[in-house]
Amino acid sequence: MNTKTEADASSGPPKGIGPMQRREMWLAYLMLAPTFAIILMIVAGPLLANFWISVKPVQLADLRPPTVLVNERVRGRPKAAGDEARLEYRLRNSSQDEEVRNVTLSDVVPDGFTVTSHSENCSLNGSALTCDLGTVAPGWRGDVELLGTVSQAFLDANRPERASEPVISGEANNVLTNFEFTFENFSRIFSADEFWSVLRITFYYTIFGTGGALVLGLFAAQLLNTTFPGRGVLRGLFLFPYVSPVIAVAFTWVVLFDPFSGTLNALLTKMGVVADPINFFGQRAIEFSVLGIPMEFPLALTTVIAFEAWRYFPLSFLFILARMQSINTDMYEAAEMDGATPLQQFWYLSLPQLMGILSVLFLLRFIWTFNKFDDIFLLTGGNAGTRTLTVDVYEQGFALSNLGAGAAVAVVVFVVLVTFATLFIRFSPKEEGL
């Protein structure tokens, strides 16, 4: 019995990967290795650099490593051969926080300049000048002087001191490359009250901006899924907000909603809807009360969300329309014969078929909107309650010159998006039949 079982097992198909398949697999990996390396450098490189900077107290000035800067010039204004002159090297430490060690200045004395005396820490070997400056303190300034006489050749030359560039060498601690880490940046941003307000505004802007773009795209796709004269032209017009340059459409919205010369405010005022013009992009909120309860309507943020939904609904419209046109029309005909209304057909037939594409669009638009910077910056500059995390990254990194804090906020953005994407993919609804 056992012999028969072993014979049956040996006669079955082989299991596992054979030697030939293993060689082919490794050959394929070897051929794809350059592609993987390029993708890794493009995607993972900047990401890892951002994580690295986020745990370091990096200021904008730290992008240039500490070094000693030198400026060479001739003093004394010699007029004739044999006149005395002074060759001066002005030096300073570029860093106000870090010292530079083992500083050495090297240069070639210009032709026609005869050195009569020089600083004690310098030596001459022919025309080669070497100065040992040792360790210079943060913010240090000093100079090296060579006294001498000039010849006619020196006077005839045009800026002879620039014939050779002085060379400075030295060693200094670089906050970008050392292995000292700190969570001070994260502690600073999390302890700030404005961070949680910015995070709340970011979610508000992202959720409603994404939802608005999807709803408008779904409505437009449903409208243009039927045949009527001029449908092609209307489809092209619907793509205008998405294909237009963002700087152009943002400027157009700012002009239209301007409180002094904007078209919308002029219409509202003429129609008697409002008594005074409304500053849509500059007014943080409108106060009102419901049943005696005071409330605020975020005006500027809502206007920016409306711009976001209007500008990016064409992308949703294209994908949803393509999915609608691939749905079999037989079930609509059967539903119509059974007396189903258009709303019932949409709710029970179309929407379940669109759940897959709507889920993908919501995920993509959520990520893109959460990372959106240019729209808000062009419309409001992050003022009037529209400051999001991406604007905060810019403010921390460049307005306040704190690159470490800006990188820490960017890490928070990354973690939030990765967490959201993971949970959404895990629990997102799927199309029927998938």
Protein backbone atom coordinates (compact mmCIF):
# COMPACT_ATOMS: atom_id res chain seq x y z
CA MET A 1 0.00 0.00 0.00
CA ASN A 2 2.79 2.38 0.90
CA THR A 3 4.68 1.42 -2.24
CA LYS A 4 1.69 2.31 -4.39
CA THR A 5 1.26 5.67 -2.66
CA GLU A 6 4.91 6.53 -3.19
CA ALA A 7 4.66 5.51 -6.84
CA ASP A 8 1.60 7.71 -7.33
CA ALA A 9 3.39 10.64 -5.68
CA SER A 10 6.46 10.19 -7.85
CA SER A 11 4.37 10.04 -11.01
CA GLY A 12 2.62 13.36 -10.25
CA PRO A 13 3.74 16.77 -11.48
CA PRO A 14 6.99 18.08 -9.95
CA LYS A 15 6.67 20.51 -7.06
CA GLY A 16 8.76 23.59 -6.43
CA ILE A 17 11.12 25.42 -8.77
CA GLY A 18 13.48 23.43 -10.91
CA PRO A 19 17.11 24.32 -11.68
CA MET A 20 16.23 25.76 -15.09
CA GLN A 21 13.42 27.89 -13.71
CA ARG A 22 15.66 29.10 -10.88
CA ARG A 23 18.34 30.19 -13.36
CA GLU A 24 15.74 31.98 -15.48
CA MET A 25 14.33 33.71 -12.39
CA TRP A 26 17.75 35.02 -11.31
CA LEU A 27 18.51 36.10 -14.87
CA ALA A 28 15.25 38.07 -14.94
CA TYR A 29 16.10 39.68 -11.59
CA LEU A 30 19.56 40.58 -12.90
CA MET A 31 18.12 42.19 -16.03
CA LEU A 32 15.59 44.18 -13.98
CA ALA A 33 18.15 45.24 -11.37
CA PRO A 34 19.02 48.58 -13.10
CA THR A 35 15.33 49.47 -13.32
CA PHE A 36 14.81 48.64 -9.64
CA ALA A 37 17.87 50.72 -8.71
CA ILE A 38 16.65 53.75 -10.67
CA ILE A 39 13.17 53.52 -9.14
CA LEU A 40 14.70 53.14 -5.68
CA MET A 41 16.84 56.25 -6.15
CA ILE A 42 13.96 58.32 -7.54
CA VAL A 43 11.31 57.28 -5.01
CA ALA A 44 13.10 56.10 -1.89
CA GLY A 45 16.01 58.56 -2.05
CA PRO A 46 14.07 61.78 -1.43
CA LEU A 47 11.81 59.98 1.05
CA LEU A 48 14.72 58.73 3.14
CA ALA A 49 16.38 62.15 2.94
CA ASN A 50 13.19 63.73 4.29
CA PHE A 51 13.13 61.29 7.22
CA TRP A 52 16.82 62.00 7.85
CA ILE A 53 16.32 65.78 7.94
CA SER A 54 13.23 65.49 10.16
CA VAL A 55 15.32 64.20 13.09
CA LYS A 56 17.97 66.90 12.82
CA PRO A 57 17.94 70.56 13.89
CA VAL A 58 18.56 71.75 10.36
CA GLN A 59 18.15 75.41 9.47
CA LEU A 60 18.05 76.79 5.95
CA ALA A 61 21.61 78.08 6.35
CA ASP A 62 22.83 74.56 7.17
CA LEU A 63 22.37 73.46 3.56
CA ARG A 64 25.80 74.96 2.97
CA PRO A 65 28.34 73.14 5.19
CA PRO A 66 30.46 75.30 7.52
CA THR A 67 33.51 76.65 5.73
CA VAL A 68 35.86 79.62 5.72
CA LEU A 69 35.10 82.15 3.00
CA VAL A 70 37.90 84.26 1.55
CA ASN A 71 38.02 87.50 -0.40
CA GLU A 72 41.31 88.57 -1.99
CA ARG A 73 42.12 92.21 -2.86
CA VAL A 74 45.06 94.61 -3.37
CA ARG A 75 45.37 97.62 -1.07
CA GLY A 76 47.58 100.72 -1.37
CA ARG A 77 46.83 101.84 -4.94
CA PRO A 78 50.37 101.65 -6.37
CA LYS A 79 50.98 104.00 -9.30
CA ALA A 80 54.50 103.19 -10.44
CA ALA A 81 56.93 100.29 -10.38
CA GLY A 82 58.55 99.93 -6.98
CA ASP A 83 55.58 101.33 -5.06
CA GLU A 84 54.51 99.48 -1.95
CA ALA A 85 51.24 97.57 -1.91
CA ARG A 86 49.40 95.19 0.36
CA LEU A 87 47.85 91.90 -0.74
CA GLU A 88 44.99 91.22 1.66
CA TYR A 89 42.94 88.08 2.26
CA ARG A 90 39.76 88.69 4.25
CA LEU A 91 38.37 85.53 5.81
CA ARG A 92 35.29 84.63 7.81
CA ASN A 93 33.59 81.53 9.15
CA SER A 94 30.32 81.04 7.31
CA SER A 95 28.74 79.37 10.34
CA GLN A 96 27.61 81.14 13.49
CA ASP A 97 27.37 77.88 15.43
CA GLU A 98 30.15 75.55 14.29
CA GLU A 99 33.91 75.93 14.43
CA VAL A 100 36.17 74.96 11.52
CA ARG A 101 39.33 73.02 12.33
CA ASN A 102 42.69 72.70 10.56
CA VAL A 103 42.02 75.68 8.29
CA THR A 104 44.65 76.18 5.59
CA LEU A 105 44.86 78.94 2.99
CA SER A 106 46.75 78.26 -0.23
CA ASP A 107 47.34 80.63 -3.12
CA VAL A 108 49.86 81.75 -5.73
CA VAL A 109 51.32 85.24 -5.33
CA PRO A 110 50.53 87.32 -8.45
CA ASP A 111 53.32 87.88 -10.97
CA GLY A 112 55.10 91.18 -10.40
CA PHE A 113 54.36 91.30 -6.67
CA THR A 114 57.51 90.94 -4.55
CA VAL A 115 56.73 89.97 -0.97
CA THR A 116 58.73 91.82 1.69
CA SER A 117 56.84 90.57 4.77
CA HIS A 118 53.90 88.35 5.59
CA SER A 119 51.91 87.06 8.55
CA GLU A 120 53.67 84.76 10.98
CA ASN A 121 51.36 81.84 10.29
CA CYS A 122 52.17 81.93 6.56
CA SER A 123 55.07 80.56 4.56
CA LEU A 124 56.33 81.14 1.01
CA ASN A 125 57.86 78.57 -1.28
CA GLY A 126 58.71 80.59 -4.36
CA SER A 127 55.39 82.13 -5.31
CA ALA A 128 53.33 79.47 -3.49
CA LEU A 129 51.70 80.85 -0.35
CA THR A 130 50.52 78.59 2.49
CA CYS A 131 48.89 79.86 5.70
CA ASP A 132 47.99 77.65 8.64
CA LEU A 133 45.09 79.29 10.48
CA GLY A 134 44.35 76.43 12.88
CA THR A 135 40.85 76.33 14.41
CA VAL A 136 38.54 79.27 13.84
CA ALA A 137 35.57 79.95 16.13
CA PRO A 138 31.93 80.29 15.00
CA GLY A 139 31.36 83.65 13.34
CA TRP A 140 35.13 84.33 13.25
CA ARG A 141 36.51 87.05 11.00
CA GLY A 142 40.16 87.70 10.25
CA ASP A 143 42.64 88.60 7.57
CA VAL A 144 46.02 87.65 6.16
CA GLU A 145 48.29 90.37 4.75
CA LEU A 146 51.30 90.26 2.46
CA LEU A 147 53.40 93.44 2.18
CA GLY A 148 55.55 94.01 -0.87
CA THR A 149 56.39 96.05 -3.94
CA VAL A 150 54.97 95.88 -7.44
CA SER A 151 56.56 95.86 -10.88
CA GLN A 152 55.35 97.40 -14.11
CA ALA A 153 54.03 94.02 -15.24
CA PHE A 154 51.81 93.96 -12.14
CA LEU A 155 50.51 97.44 -12.92
CA ASP A 156 49.82 96.60 -16.57
CA ALA A 157 47.83 93.48 -15.74
CA ASN A 158 44.06 93.67 -15.20
CA ARG A 159 43.29 92.59 -11.64
CA PRO A 160 46.40 90.37 -11.35
CA GLU A 161 45.35 89.08 -7.94
CA ARG A 162 42.55 87.17 -9.67
CA ALA A 163 44.95 85.17 -11.83
CA SER A 164 44.69 82.36 -9.26
CA GLU A 165 41.86 81.57 -6.84
CA PRO A 166 42.76 81.12 -3.17
CA VAL A 167 41.99 77.63 -1.86
CA ILE A 168 40.62 77.05 1.66
CA SER A 169 40.59 73.66 3.35
CA GLY A 170 39.29 72.70 6.77
CA GLU A 171 37.18 70.29 8.80
CA ALA A 172 33.84 71.03 10.46
CA ASN A 173 30.85 69.24 11.88
CA ASN A 174 27.99 69.11 9.39
CA VAL A 175 24.58 68.76 10.96
CA LEU A 176 23.29 67.16 7.76
CA THR A 177 25.84 64.34 7.67
CA ASN A 178 26.61 63.58 11.32
CA PHE A 179 24.88 60.81 13.28
CA GLU A 180 23.37 62.94 16.02
CA PHE A 181 19.58 62.70 16.00
CA THR A 182 16.84 64.43 17.94
CA PHE A 183 13.04 64.41 18.08
CA GLU A 184 12.96 68.10 18.90
CA ASN A 185 11.29 68.90 15.58
CA PHE A 186 8.39 66.53 16.23
CA SER A 187 8.08 67.72 19.82
CA ARG A 188 7.94 71.29 18.60
CA ILE A 189 5.22 70.77 16.00
CA PHE A 190 3.05 68.49 18.15
CA SER A 191 3.20 70.83 21.14
CA ALA A 192 2.04 73.79 19.06
CA ASP A 193 -1.69 74.46 19.28
CA GLU A 194 -1.84 75.59 15.66
CA PHE A 195 -0.67 72.17 14.41
CA TRP A 196 -3.88 70.42 15.44
CA SER A 197 -5.93 73.23 13.94
CA VAL A 198 -3.97 72.89 10.69
CA LEU A 199 -4.47 69.10 10.74
CA ARG A 200 -8.23 69.53 11.21
CA ILE A 201 -8.40 72.07 8.37
CA THR A 202 -6.39 69.72 6.15
CA PHE A 203 -8.85 66.86 6.68
CA TYR A 204 -11.80 69.21 6.18
CA TYR A 205 -10.33 70.51 2.94
CA THR A 206 -9.32 67.07 1.67
CA ILE A 207 -12.55 65.20 2.46
CA PHE A 208 -14.94 67.83 1.13
CA GLY A 209 -12.71 68.71 -1.83
CA THR A 210 -12.43 65.06 -2.81
CA GLY A 211 -16.13 64.38 -2.25
CA GLY A 212 -17.14 67.47 -4.22
CA ALA A 213 -14.96 66.48 -7.19
CA LEU A 214 -16.46 62.97 -7.21
CA VAL A 215 -20.07 64.17 -6.92
CA LEU A 216 -19.61 66.71 -9.71
CA GLY A 217 -17.84 64.12 -11.85
CA LEU A 218 -20.61 61.58 -11.24
CA PHE A 219 -23.29 64.13 -12.13
CA ALA A 220 -21.45 65.19 -15.30
CA ALA A 221 -20.89 61.58 -16.38
CA GLN A 222 -24.55 60.73 -15.84
CA LEU A 223 -25.56 63.80 -17.84
CA LEU A 224 -23.26 63.08 -20.78
CA ASN A 225 -23.90 59.33 -20.87
CA THR A 226 -26.98 59.97 -22.98
CA THR A 227 -26.97 60.92 -26.66
CA PHE A 228 -27.95 64.46 -27.66
CA PRO A 229 -26.73 67.06 -30.20
CA GLY A 230 -23.55 68.83 -29.14
CA ARG A 231 -22.52 66.17 -26.63
CA GLY A 232 -18.95 66.06 -27.96
CA VAL A 233 -18.51 69.81 -27.64
CA LEU A 234 -19.88 69.75 -24.10
CA ARG A 235 -17.53 66.95 -23.14
CA GLY A 236 -14.62 69.05 -24.34
CA LEU A 237 -15.82 72.07 -22.36
CA PHE A 238 -16.06 69.96 -19.21
CA LEU A 239 -12.32 69.25 -19.47
CA PHE A 240 -11.43 72.95 -19.44
CA PRO A 241 -10.87 73.34 -15.66
CA TYR A 242 -8.49 70.38 -15.53
CA VAL A 243 -6.36 71.14 -18.60
CA SER A 244 -6.02 74.89 -17.94
CA PRO A 245 -2.87 76.12 -16.15
CA VAL A 246 -3.48 76.42 -12.44
CA ILE A 247 -2.00 79.92 -12.31
CA ALA A 248 -4.52 81.09 -14.92
CA VAL A 249 -7.64 79.60 -13.34
CA ALA A 250 -6.58 80.63 -9.83
CA PHE A 251 -6.07 84.22 -10.98
CA THR A 252 -9.46 84.13 -12.71
CA TRP A 253 -11.19 83.02 -9.52
CA VAL A 254 -9.40 85.69 -7.47
CA VAL A 255 -10.56 88.37 -9.93
CA LEU A 256 -14.15 87.07 -10.09
CA PHE A 257 -14.46 86.90 -6.29
CA ASP A 258 -12.65 90.15 -5.57
CA PRO A 259 -14.62 92.20 -2.99
CA PHE A 260 -14.00 95.53 -4.77
CA SER A 261 -14.06 94.81 -8.50
CA GLY A 262 -15.18 91.18 -8.70
CA THR A 263 -18.06 90.18 -10.98
CA LEU A 264 -19.78 87.97 -8.40
CA ASN A 265 -19.84 90.65 -5.72
CA ALA A 266 -21.15 93.18 -8.23
CA LEU A 267 -24.03 90.84 -9.17
CA LEU A 268 -24.89 90.03 -5.55
CA THR A 269 -24.88 93.71 -4.62
CA LYS A 270 -26.97 94.77 -7.63
CA MET A 271 -29.53 92.02 -6.96
CA GLY A 272 -29.80 93.05 -3.33
CA VAL A 273 -28.65 89.67 -2.01
CA VAL A 274 -25.95 91.30 0.12
CA ALA A 275 -25.58 94.85 1.34
CA ASP A 276 -21.77 94.89 1.36
CA PRO A 277 -19.28 93.00 -0.80
CA ILE A 278 -18.02 89.68 0.55
CA ASN A 279 -14.31 88.94 0.76
CA PHE A 280 -14.55 85.28 -0.24
CA PHE A 281 -10.81 84.57 -0.06
CA GLY A 282 -9.94 86.95 2.75
CA GLN A 283 -12.72 86.51 5.32
CA ARG A 284 -12.11 83.63 7.69
CA ALA A 285 -15.72 82.96 8.72
CA ILE A 286 -19.28 84.28 8.71
CA GLU A 287 -21.00 84.27 12.07
CA PHE A 288 -24.68 83.28 12.36
CA SER A 289 -26.97 81.63 14.86
CA VAL A 290 -29.30 78.66 14.69
CA LEU A 291 -31.97 78.50 17.40
CA GLY A 292 -29.92 80.96 19.41
CA ILE A 293 -26.75 78.90 19.12
CA PRO A 294 -23.85 80.97 17.67
CA MET A 295 -22.07 79.25 14.80
CA GLU A 296 -19.41 80.06 12.20
CA PHE A 297 -19.29 79.24 8.51
CA PRO A 298 -15.68 78.92 7.20
CA LEU A 299 -16.03 81.18 4.17
CA ALA A 300 -12.48 81.27 2.76
CA LEU A 301 -11.94 77.54 3.29
CA THR A 302 -15.28 76.69 1.67
CA THR A 303 -14.44 78.87 -1.34
CA VAL A 304 -11.10 77.11 -1.73
CA ILE A 305 -12.89 73.74 -1.49
CA ALA A 306 -15.30 74.85 -4.20
CA PHE A 307 -12.34 75.72 -6.42
CA GLU A 308 -10.80 72.31 -5.71
CA ALA A 309 -14.00 70.46 -6.62
CA TRP A 310 -14.52 72.54 -9.78
CA ARG A 311 -10.94 72.20 -10.98
CA TYR A 312 -10.57 68.44 -10.54
CA PHE A 313 -14.04 67.03 -11.28
CA PRO A 314 -13.14 66.43 -14.99
CA LEU A 315 -10.74 63.63 -14.00
CA SER A 316 -13.52 61.85 -12.11
CA PHE A 317 -15.90 62.58 -14.96
CA LEU A 318 -13.67 60.86 -17.53
CA PHE A 319 -13.15 57.69 -15.47
CA ILE A 320 -16.79 57.39 -14.40
CA LEU A 321 -18.09 57.99 -17.93
CA ALA A 322 -15.75 55.33 -19.32
CA ARG A 323 -17.01 52.85 -16.71
CA MET A 324 -20.65 53.74 -17.41
CA GLN A 325 -20.24 53.10 -21.11
CA SER A 326 -18.87 49.62 -20.41
CA ILE A 327 -21.95 48.54 -18.41
CA ASN A 328 -24.30 46.17 -20.24
CA THR A 329 -27.50 48.03 -21.16
CA ASP A 330 -29.69 44.90 -21.13
CA MET A 331 -30.34 45.13 -17.41
CA TYR A 332 -31.47 48.75 -17.78
CA GLU A 333 -33.96 47.70 -20.43
CA ALA A 334 -35.24 44.92 -18.17
CA ALA A 335 -35.51 47.29 -15.21
CA GLU A 336 -37.40 49.82 -17.33
CA MET A 337 -39.85 47.15 -18.44
CA ASP A 338 -40.38 46.27 -14.77
CA GLY A 339 -41.30 49.90 -14.06
CA ALA A 340 -38.09 51.09 -12.35
CA THR A 341 -37.68 54.86 -12.29
CA PRO A 342 -34.41 56.51 -13.51
CA LEU A 343 -33.45 57.17 -9.89
CA GLN A 344 -34.02 53.53 -8.97
CA GLN A 345 -32.02 52.39 -12.00
CA PHE A 346 -29.13 54.61 -10.95
CA TRP A 347 -29.23 53.60 -7.29
CA TYR A 348 -29.69 49.86 -7.70
CA LEU A 349 -27.97 49.22 -11.04
CA SER A 350 -25.43 51.92 -11.90
CA LEU A 351 -24.05 52.78 -8.48
CA PRO A 352 -23.10 49.20 -7.48
CA GLN A 353 -21.29 48.85 -10.81
CA LEU A 354 -19.42 52.12 -10.19
CA MET A 355 -18.27 51.40 -6.63
CA GLY A 356 -14.91 50.04 -7.76
CA ILE A 357 -13.94 53.07 -9.87
CA LEU A 358 -15.36 55.46 -7.28
CA SER A 359 -13.21 53.84 -4.60
CA VAL A 360 -10.08 54.15 -6.72
CA LEU A 361 -10.86 57.76 -7.58
CA PHE A 362 -11.56 58.64 -3.95
CA LEU A 363 -8.23 57.13 -2.88
CA LEU A 364 -6.24 58.92 -5.59
CA ARG A 365 -8.00 62.25 -5.16
CA PHE A 366 -7.67 62.06 -1.36
CA ILE A 367 -3.91 61.57 -1.65
CA TRP A 368 -3.50 64.28 -4.27
CA THR A 369 -5.72 66.77 -2.43
CA PHE A 370 -4.02 66.08 0.91
CA ASN A 371 -0.70 66.91 -0.78
CA LYS A 372 -2.09 69.93 -2.64
CA PHE A 373 -0.11 73.13 -2.16
CA ASP A 374 -0.25 75.33 -5.25
CA ASP A 375 -4.03 75.88 -5.30
CA ILE A 376 -4.25 77.14 -1.71
CA PHE A 377 -1.04 79.14 -1.95
CA LEU A 378 -2.19 80.92 -5.12
CA LEU A 379 -5.68 81.65 -3.83
CA THR A 380 -5.10 82.65 -0.20
CA GLY A 381 -1.45 82.05 0.66
CA GLY A 382 -2.66 79.88 3.54
CA ASN A 383 -4.36 82.84 5.26
CA ALA A 384 -7.93 83.25 6.53
CA GLY A 385 -8.14 79.74 7.99
CA THR A 386 -6.93 77.86 4.88
CA ARG A 387 -3.52 76.78 6.12
CA THR A 388 -3.02 73.06 5.46
CA LEU A 389 -0.14 70.76 6.32
CA THR A 390 1.54 71.26 2.95
CA VAL A 391 1.42 75.04 3.41
CA ASP A 392 2.81 74.49 6.91
CA VAL A 393 5.73 72.54 5.39
CA TYR A 394 6.54 75.57 3.24
CA GLU A 395 6.12 78.02 6.11
CA GLN A 396 8.33 76.02 8.47
CA GLY A 397 11.01 75.21 5.92
CA PHE A 398 11.35 78.48 4.04
CA ALA A 399 9.47 81.30 5.77
CA LEU A 400 10.90 80.36 9.20
CA SER A 401 14.10 78.79 7.72
CA ASN A 402 13.57 75.66 9.86
CA LEU A 403 14.03 72.79 7.43
CA GLY A 404 13.99 70.19 10.19
CA ALA A 405 10.51 71.23 11.37
CA GLY A 406 9.29 71.39 7.77
CA ALA A 407 10.59 67.88 7.13
CA ALA A 408 8.90 66.68 10.33
CA VAL A 409 5.54 68.00 9.10
CA ALA A 410 6.16 66.26 5.76
CA VAL A 411 6.78 63.00 7.64
CA VAL A 412 3.43 63.47 9.39
CA VAL A 413 1.79 63.92 5.98
CA PHE A 414 3.44 60.70 4.76
CA VAL A 415 2.36 58.69 7.81
CA VAL A 416 -1.23 59.94 7.59
CA LEU A 417 -1.49 59.08 3.90
CA VAL A 418 0.08 55.64 4.28
CA THR A 419 -2.27 54.84 7.17
CA PHE A 420 -5.30 56.08 5.27
CA ALA A 421 -4.37 54.21 2.08
CA THR A 422 -3.79 50.96 3.99
CA LEU A 423 -7.12 51.14 5.83
CA PHE A 424 -9.00 52.27 2.74
CA ILE A 425 -7.67 49.46 0.56
CA ARG A 426 -8.50 46.98 3.32
CA PHE A 427 -12.08 48.11 3.86
CA SER A 428 -13.05 49.88 0.63
CA PRO A 429 -16.18 48.65 -1.18
CA LYS A 430 -15.79 46.64 -4.36
CA GLU A 431 -17.87 46.42 -7.50
CA GLU A 432 -20.49 43.73 -7.65
CA GLY A 433 -19.19 40.56 -9.23
CA LEU A 434 -15.52 41.22 -8.22
